[in-house]
């Protein structure tokens, strides 16, 4: 086109079909990226009491209620 050469109509058609597909794909990619960024921003940088409690319950098998009862029985 830049050299004033002849461009086949099929090539124009192919480009226009691709451009129609790029719009929705770009929108989807932007949404996915924004969701990933939100998740990264929400992650705490240190151990919070909720995370510690979850580690105690799921990994160590200690529930908060059992821990309090054990302390009361020790006195």
PDB file of N, CA and C in Angstrom:
ATOM      1  N   UNK A   1       0.819  -1.188   0.000  1.00  0.00           N
ATOM      2  CA  UNK A   1       0.000   0.000   0.000  1.00  0.00           C
ATOM      3  C   UNK A   1       0.868   1.259   0.000  1.00  0.00           C
ATOM      4  N   UNK A   2       1.954   1.230   0.773  1.00  0.00           N
ATOM      5  CA  UNK A   2       2.817   2.403   0.844  1.00  0.00           C
ATOM      6  C   UNK A   2       3.517   2.677  -0.484  1.00  0.00           C
ATOM      7  N   UNK A   3       3.777   1.620  -1.233  1.00  0.00           N
ATOM      8  CA  UNK A   3       4.467   1.765  -2.516  1.00  0.00           C
ATOM      9  C   UNK A   3       3.489   1.884  -3.678  1.00  0.00           C
ATOM     10  N   UNK A   4       2.245   2.204  -3.384  1.00  0.00           N
ATOM     11  CA  UNK A   4       1.178   2.314  -4.378  1.00  0.00           C
ATOM     12  C   UNK A   4       0.966   1.012  -5.133  1.00  0.00           C
ATOM     13  N   UNK A   5       1.224  -0.097  -4.442  1.00  0.00           N
ATOM     14  CA  UNK A   5       1.001  -1.401  -5.060  1.00  0.00           C
ATOM     15  C   UNK A   5      -0.429  -1.843  -4.847  1.00  0.00           C
ATOM     16  N   UNK A   6      -0.808  -2.819  -5.614  1.00  0.00           N
ATOM     17  CA  UNK A   6      -2.167  -3.332  -5.534  1.00  0.00           C
ATOM     18  C   UNK A   6      -2.272  -4.285  -4.347  1.00  0.00           C
ATOM     19  N   UNK A   7      -3.319  -4.091  -3.517  1.00  0.00           N
ATOM     20  CA  UNK A   7      -3.575  -4.955  -2.370  1.00  0.00           C
ATOM     21  C   UNK A   7      -4.858  -5.731  -2.658  1.00  0.00           C
ATOM     22  N   UNK A   8      -4.781  -7.013  -2.487  1.00  0.00           N
ATOM     23  CA  UNK A   8      -5.926  -7.868  -2.774  1.00  0.00           C
ATOM     24  C   UNK A   8      -7.052  -7.615  -1.776  1.00  0.00           C
ATOM     25  N   UNK A   9      -8.297  -7.626  -2.218  1.00  0.00           N
ATOM     26  CA  UNK A   9      -9.433  -7.423  -1.319  1.00  0.00           C
ATOM     27  C   UNK A   9      -9.496  -8.464  -0.200  1.00  0.00           C
ATOM     28  N   UNK A  10      -9.023  -9.659  -0.452  1.00  0.00           N
ATOM     29  CA  UNK A  10      -9.050 -10.710   0.577  1.00  0.00           C
ATOM     30  C   UNK A  10      -8.171 -10.313   1.766  1.00  0.00           C
ATOM     31  N   UNK A  11      -7.086  -9.637   1.501  1.00  0.00           N
ATOM     32  CA  UNK A  11      -6.207  -9.193   2.600  1.00  0.00           C
ATOM     33  C   UNK A  11      -6.881  -8.102   3.435  1.00  0.00           C
ATOM     34  N   UNK A  12      -7.563  -7.172   2.767  1.00  0.00           N
ATOM     35  CA  UNK A  12      -8.311  -6.152   3.505  1.00  0.00           C
ATOM     36  C   UNK A  12      -9.378  -6.828   4.384  1.00  0.00           C
ATOM     37  N   UNK A  13     -10.053  -7.784   3.810  1.00  0.00           N
ATOM     38  CA  UNK A  13     -11.110  -8.487   4.527  1.00  0.00           C
ATOM     39  C   UNK A  13     -10.527  -9.209   5.745  1.00  0.00           C
ATOM     40  N   UNK A  14      -9.387  -9.859   5.576  1.00  0.00           N
ATOM     41  CA  UNK A  14      -8.761 -10.581   6.686  1.00  0.00           C
ATOM     42  C   UNK A  14      -8.386  -9.625   7.819  1.00  0.00           C
ATOM     43  N   UNK A  15      -7.843  -8.473   7.469  1.00  0.00           N
ATOM     44  CA  UNK A  15      -7.459  -7.497   8.494  1.00  0.00           C
ATOM     45  C   UNK A  15      -8.679  -6.976   9.231  1.00  0.00           C
ATOM     46  N   UNK A  16      -9.742  -6.670   8.512  1.00  0.00           N
ATOM     47  CA  UNK A  16     -10.945  -6.158   9.183  1.00  0.00           C
ATOM     48  C   UNK A  16     -11.564  -7.217  10.094  1.00  0.00           C
ATOM     49  N   UNK A  17     -11.518  -8.487   9.689  1.00  0.00           N
ATOM     50  CA  UNK A  17     -12.034  -9.555  10.552  1.00  0.00           C
ATOM     51  C   UNK A  17     -11.199  -9.675  11.834  1.00  0.00           C
ATOM     52  N   UNK A  18      -9.882  -9.549  11.696  1.00  0.00           N
ATOM     53  CA  UNK A  18      -9.012  -9.632  12.875  1.00  0.00           C
ATOM     54  C   UNK A  18      -9.242  -8.455  13.811  1.00  0.00           C
ATOM     55  N   UNK A  19      -9.455  -7.271  13.265  1.00  0.00           N
ATOM     56  CA  UNK A  19      -9.681  -6.094  14.108  1.00  0.00           C
ATOM     57  C   UNK A  19     -10.962  -6.239  14.932  1.00  0.00           C
ATOM     58  N   UNK A  20     -11.967  -6.880  14.369  1.00  0.00           N
ATOM     59  CA  UNK A  20     -13.208  -7.093  15.114  1.00  0.00           C
ATOM     60  C   UNK A  20     -12.993  -8.039  16.290  1.00  0.00           C
ATOM     61  N   UNK A  21     -12.066  -8.970  16.139  1.00  0.00           N
ATOM     62  CA  UNK A  21     -11.794  -9.934  17.199  1.00  0.00           C
ATOM     63  C   UNK A  21     -10.888  -9.370  18.283  1.00  0.00           C
ATOM     64  N   UNK A  22     -10.076  -8.407  17.948  1.00  0.00           N
ATOM     65  CA  UNK A  22      -9.112  -7.855  18.907  1.00  0.00           C
ATOM     66  C   UNK A  22      -9.812  -7.080  20.022  1.00  0.00           C
ATOM     67  N   UNK A  23     -10.866  -6.365  19.712  1.00  0.00           N
ATOM     68  CA  UNK A  23     -11.565  -5.548  20.706  1.00  0.00           C
ATOM     69  C   UNK A  23     -12.036  -6.333  21.919  1.00  0.00           C
ATOM     70  N   UNK A  24     -12.839  -7.379  21.738  1.00  0.00           N
ATOM     71  CA  UNK A  24     -13.289  -8.168  22.901  1.00  0.00           C
ATOM     72  C   UNK A  24     -12.151  -8.851  23.639  1.00  0.00           C
ATOM     73  N   UNK A  25     -11.150  -9.313  22.908  1.00  0.00           N
ATOM     74  CA  UNK A  25     -10.004  -9.948  23.563  1.00  0.00           C
ATOM     75  C   UNK A  25      -9.266  -8.960  24.441  1.00  0.00           C
ATOM     76  N   UNK A  26      -9.086  -7.759  23.959  1.00  0.00           N
ATOM     77  CA  UNK A  26      -8.391  -6.725  24.734  1.00  0.00           C
ATOM     78  C   UNK A  26      -9.187  -6.391  25.993  1.00  0.00           C
ATOM     79  N   UNK A  27     -10.498  -6.296  25.881  1.00  0.00           N
ATOM     80  CA  UNK A  27     -11.351  -6.008  27.035  1.00  0.00           C
ATOM     81  C   UNK A  27     -11.211  -7.117  28.078  1.00  0.00           C
ATOM     82  N   UNK A  28     -11.228  -8.382  27.629  1.00  0.00           N
ATOM     83  CA  UNK A  28     -11.096  -9.514  28.539  1.00  0.00           C
ATOM     84  C   UNK A  28      -9.740  -9.495  29.239  1.00  0.00           C
ATOM     85  N   UNK A  29      -8.673  -9.249  28.491  1.00  0.00           N
ATOM     86  CA  UNK A  29      -7.338  -9.211  29.071  1.00  0.00           C
ATOM     87  C   UNK A  29      -7.221  -8.095  30.102  1.00  0.00           C
ATOM     88  N   UNK A  30      -7.789  -6.938  29.819  1.00  0.00           N
ATOM     89  CA  UNK A  30      -7.752  -5.831  30.768  1.00  0.00           C
ATOM     90  C   UNK A  30      -8.470  -6.189  32.064  1.00  0.00           C
ATOM     91  N   UNK A  31      -9.600  -6.880  31.955  1.00  0.00           N
ATOM     92  CA  UNK A  31     -10.350  -7.294  33.142  1.00  0.00           C
ATOM     93  C   UNK A  31      -9.548  -8.288  33.974  1.00  0.00           C
ATOM     94  N   UNK A  32      -8.915  -9.242  33.324  1.00  0.00           N
ATOM     95  CA  UNK A  32      -8.130 -10.257  34.038  1.00  0.00           C
ATOM     96  C   UNK A  32      -6.947  -9.602  34.745  1.00  0.00           C
ATOM     97  N   UNK A  33      -6.283  -8.699  34.070  1.00  0.00           N
ATOM     98  CA  UNK A  33      -5.132  -8.016  34.666  1.00  0.00           C
ATOM     99  C   UNK A  33      -5.562  -7.171  35.856  1.00  0.00           C
ATOM    100  N   UNK A  34      -6.670  -6.471  35.745  1.00  0.00           N
ATOM    101  CA  UNK A  34      -7.126  -5.634  36.858  1.00  0.00           C
ATOM    102  C   UNK A  34      -7.518  -6.491  38.063  1.00  0.00           C
ATOM    103  N   UNK A  35      -8.112  -7.665  37.831  1.00  0.00           N
ATOM    104  CA  UNK A  35      -8.460  -8.555  38.943  1.00  0.00           C
ATOM    105  C   UNK A  35      -7.207  -9.084  39.633  1.00  0.00           C
ATOM    106  N   UNK A  36      -6.184  -9.438  38.864  1.00  0.00           N
ATOM    107  CA  UNK A  36      -4.933  -9.921  39.440  1.00  0.00           C
ATOM    108  C   UNK A  36      -4.265  -8.832  40.266  1.00  0.00           C
ATOM    109  N   UNK A  37      -4.305  -7.605  39.782  1.00  0.00           N
ATOM    110  CA  UNK A  37      -3.701  -6.496  40.525  1.00  0.00           C
ATOM    111  C   UNK A  37      -4.448  -6.246  41.826  1.00  0.00           C
ATOM    112  N   UNK A  38      -5.753  -6.357  41.818  1.00  0.00           N
ATOM    113  CA  UNK A  38      -6.534  -6.177  43.040  1.00  0.00           C
ATOM    114  C   UNK A  38      -6.180  -7.240  44.069  1.00  0.00           C
ATOM    115  N   UNK A  39      -6.037  -8.492  43.616  1.00  0.00           N
ATOM    116  CA  UNK A  39      -5.678  -9.572  44.534  1.00  0.00           C
ATOM    117  C   UNK A  39      -4.294  -9.356  45.129  1.00  0.00           C
ATOM    118  N   UNK A  40      -3.363  -8.866  44.331  1.00  0.00           N
ATOM    119  CA  UNK A  40      -2.016  -8.619  44.830  1.00  0.00           C
ATOM    120  C   UNK A  40      -2.012  -7.475  45.835  1.00  0.00           C
ATOM    121  N   UNK A  41      -2.826  -6.461  45.606  1.00  0.00           N
ATOM    122  CA  UNK A  41      -2.895  -5.321  46.523  1.00  0.00           C
ATOM    123  C   UNK A  41      -3.531  -5.724  47.846  1.00  0.00           C
ATOM    124  N   UNK A  42      -4.459  -6.666  47.826  1.00  0.00           N
ATOM    125  CA  UNK A  42      -5.172  -7.062  49.031  1.00  0.00           C
ATOM    126  C   UNK A  42      -4.363  -7.999  49.918  1.00  0.00           C
ATOM    127  N   UNK A  43      -3.343  -8.657  49.373  1.00  0.00           N
ATOM    128  CA  UNK A  43      -2.562  -9.594  50.169  1.00  0.00           C
ATOM    129  C   UNK A  43      -1.750  -8.845  51.218  1.00  0.00           C
ATOM    130  N   UNK A  44      -1.838  -9.263  52.462  1.00  0.00           N
ATOM    131  CA  UNK A  44      -1.039  -8.613  53.502  1.00  0.00           C
ATOM    132  C   UNK A  44       0.432  -8.995  53.364  1.00  0.00           C
ATOM    133  N   UNK A  45       1.298  -8.118  53.801  1.00  0.00           N
ATOM    134  CA  UNK A  45       2.737  -8.339  53.706  1.00  0.00           C
ATOM    135  C   UNK A  45       3.288  -9.100  54.905  1.00  0.00           C
ATOM    136  N   UNK A  46       2.493  -9.279  55.953  1.00  0.00           N
ATOM    137  CA  UNK A  46       2.967  -9.971  57.150  1.00  0.00           C
ATOM    138  C   UNK A  46       1.865 -10.910  57.650  1.00  0.00           C
ATOM    139  N   UNK A  47       2.165 -11.641  58.702  1.00  0.00           N
ATOM    140  CA  UNK A  47       1.180 -12.549  59.276  1.00  0.00           C
ATOM    141  C   UNK A  47       0.178 -11.769  60.123  1.00  0.00           C
ATOM    142  N   UNK A  48      -1.060 -11.881  59.759  1.00  0.00           N
ATOM    143  CA  UNK A  48      -2.122 -11.245  60.529  1.00  0.00           C
ATOM    144  C   UNK A  48      -2.689 -12.274  61.498  1.00  0.00           C
ATOM    145  N   UNK A  49      -3.401 -11.842  62.512  1.00  0.00           N
ATOM    146  CA  UNK A  49      -4.004 -12.792  63.452  1.00  0.00           C
ATOM    147  C   UNK A  49      -4.913 -13.810  62.760  1.00  0.00           C
ATOM    148  N   UNK A  50      -5.612 -13.398  61.704  1.00  0.00           N
ATOM    149  CA  UNK A  50      -6.466 -14.331  60.977  1.00  0.00           C
ATOM    150  C   UNK A  50      -5.647 -15.411  60.291  1.00  0.00           C
ATOM    151  N   UNK A  51      -4.513 -15.034  59.718  1.00  0.00           N
ATOM    152  CA  UNK A  51      -3.650 -16.011  59.052  1.00  0.00           C
ATOM    153  C   UNK A  51      -3.051 -16.963  60.079  1.00  0.00           C
ATOM    154  N   UNK A  52      -2.643 -16.457  61.211  1.00  0.00           N
ATOM    155  CA  UNK A  52      -2.073 -17.299  62.266  1.00  0.00           C
ATOM    156  C   UNK A  52      -3.117 -18.298  62.759  1.00  0.00           C
ATOM    157  N   UNK A  53      -4.342 -17.837  62.956  1.00  0.00           N
ATOM    158  CA  UNK A  53      -5.424 -18.722  63.399  1.00  0.00           C
ATOM    159  C   UNK A  53      -5.696 -19.799  62.351  1.00  0.00           C
ATOM    160  N   UNK A  54      -5.668 -19.422  61.072  1.00  0.00           N
ATOM    161  CA  UNK A  54      -5.896 -20.394  60.008  1.00  0.00           C
ATOM    162  C   UNK A  54      -4.776 -21.437  59.966  1.00  0.00           C
ATOM    163  N   UNK A  55      -3.533 -21.022  60.163  1.00  0.00           N
ATOM    164  CA  UNK A  55      -2.406 -21.958  60.209  1.00  0.00           C
ATOM    165  C   UNK A  55      -2.573 -22.907  61.387  1.00  0.00           C
ATOM    166  N   UNK A  56      -2.947 -22.374  62.544  1.00  0.00           N
ATOM    167  CA  UNK A  56      -3.140 -23.214  63.723  1.00  0.00           C
ATOM    168  C   UNK A  56      -4.230 -24.254  63.484  1.00  0.00           C
ATOM    169  N   UNK A  57      -5.315 -23.846  62.858  1.00  0.00           N
ATOM    170  CA  UNK A  57      -6.440 -24.761  62.664  1.00  0.00           C
ATOM    171  C   UNK A  57      -6.171 -25.785  61.562  1.00  0.00           C
ATOM    172  N   UNK A  58      -5.654 -25.351  60.421  1.00  0.00           N
ATOM    173  CA  UNK A  58      -5.529 -26.249  59.281  1.00  0.00           C
ATOM    174  C   UNK A  58      -4.261 -27.086  59.311  1.00  0.00           C
ATOM    175  N   UNK A  59      -3.170 -26.547  59.781  1.00  0.00           N
ATOM    176  CA  UNK A  59      -1.903 -27.279  59.749  1.00  0.00           C
ATOM    177  C   UNK A  59      -1.611 -27.954  61.083  1.00  0.00           C
ATOM    178  N   UNK A  60      -1.763 -27.222  62.174  1.00  0.00           N
ATOM    179  CA  UNK A  60      -1.434 -27.770  63.481  1.00  0.00           C
ATOM    180  C   UNK A  60      -2.589 -28.518  64.127  1.00  0.00           C
ATOM    181  N   UNK A  61      -3.799 -28.305  63.632  1.00  0.00           N
ATOM    182  CA  UNK A  61      -4.959 -28.987  64.190  1.00  0.00           C
ATOM    183  C   UNK A  61      -5.429 -28.397  65.506  1.00  0.00           C
ATOM    184  N   UNK A  62      -5.022 -27.178  65.812  1.00  0.00           N
ATOM    185  CA  UNK A  62      -5.415 -26.524  67.062  1.00  0.00           C
ATOM    186  C   UNK A  62      -6.551 -25.561  66.753  1.00  0.00           C
ATOM    187  N   UNK A  63      -7.671 -25.747  67.415  1.00  0.00           N
ATOM    188  CA  UNK A  63      -8.749 -24.783  67.257  1.00  0.00           C
ATOM    189  C   UNK A  63      -8.658 -23.777  68.387  1.00  0.00           C
ATOM    190  N   UNK A  64      -9.163 -22.627  68.153  1.00  0.00           N
ATOM    191  CA  UNK A  64      -9.075 -21.555  69.144  1.00  0.00           C
ATOM    192  C   UNK A  64      -9.820 -21.934  70.425  1.00  0.00           C
ATOM    193  N   UNK A  65     -10.944 -22.640  70.291  1.00  0.00           N
ATOM    194  CA  UNK A  65     -11.738 -23.038  71.456  1.00  0.00           C
ATOM    195  C   UNK A  65     -10.977 -24.042  72.317  1.00  0.00           C
ATOM    196  N   UNK A  66     -10.324 -25.027  71.674  1.00  0.00           N
ATOM    197  CA  UNK A  66      -9.562 -26.023  72.426  1.00  0.00           C
ATOM    198  C   UNK A  66      -8.410 -25.367  73.169  1.00  0.00           C
ATOM    199  N   UNK A  67      -7.785 -24.400  72.543  1.00  0.00           N
ATOM    200  CA  UNK A  67      -6.632 -23.726  73.137  1.00  0.00           C
ATOM    201  C   UNK A  67      -7.077 -22.981  74.395  1.00  0.00           C
ATOM    202  N   UNK A  68      -8.231 -22.320  74.353  1.00  0.00           N
ATOM    203  CA  UNK A  68      -8.719 -21.578  75.528  1.00  0.00           C
ATOM    204  C   UNK A  68      -9.107 -22.547  76.642  1.00  0.00           C
ATOM    205  N   UNK A  69      -9.748 -23.685  76.320  1.00  0.00           N
ATOM    206  CA  UNK A  69     -10.135 -24.643  77.331  1.00  0.00           C
ATOM    207  C   UNK A  69      -8.898 -25.229  78.002  1.00  0.00           C
ATOM    208  N   UNK A  70      -7.864 -25.462  77.223  1.00  0.00           N
ATOM    209  CA  UNK A  70      -6.631 -26.031  77.760  1.00  0.00           C
ATOM    210  C   UNK A  70      -6.012 -25.059  78.754  1.00  0.00           C
ATOM    211  N   UNK A  71      -6.031 -23.782  78.470  1.00  0.00           N
ATOM    212  CA  UNK A  71      -5.484 -22.781  79.380  1.00  0.00           C
ATOM    213  C   UNK A  71      -6.280 -22.728  80.686  1.00  0.00           C
ATOM    214  N   UNK A  72      -7.599 -22.874  80.604  1.00  0.00           N
ATOM    215  CA  UNK A  72      -8.427 -22.803  81.796  1.00  0.00           C
ATOM    216  C   UNK A  72      -8.201 -24.034  82.683  1.00  0.00           C
ATOM    217  N   UNK A  73      -7.981 -25.191  82.112  1.00  0.00           N
ATOM    218  CA  UNK A  73      -7.774 -26.402  82.868  1.00  0.00           C
ATOM    219  C   UNK A  73      -6.389 -26.431  83.527  1.00  0.00           C
ATOM    220  N   UNK A  74      -5.447 -25.697  83.001  1.00  0.00           N
ATOM    221  CA  UNK A  74      -4.075 -25.712  83.511  1.00  0.00           C
ATOM    222  C   UNK A  74      -3.986 -24.999  84.864  1.00  0.00           C
ATOM    223  N   UNK A  75      -4.878 -24.090  85.174  1.00  0.00           N
ATOM    224  CA  UNK A  75      -4.795 -23.341  86.441  1.00  0.00           C
ATOM    225  C   UNK A  75      -5.216 -24.143  87.580  1.00  0.00           C
TER     226      UNK A  75
END
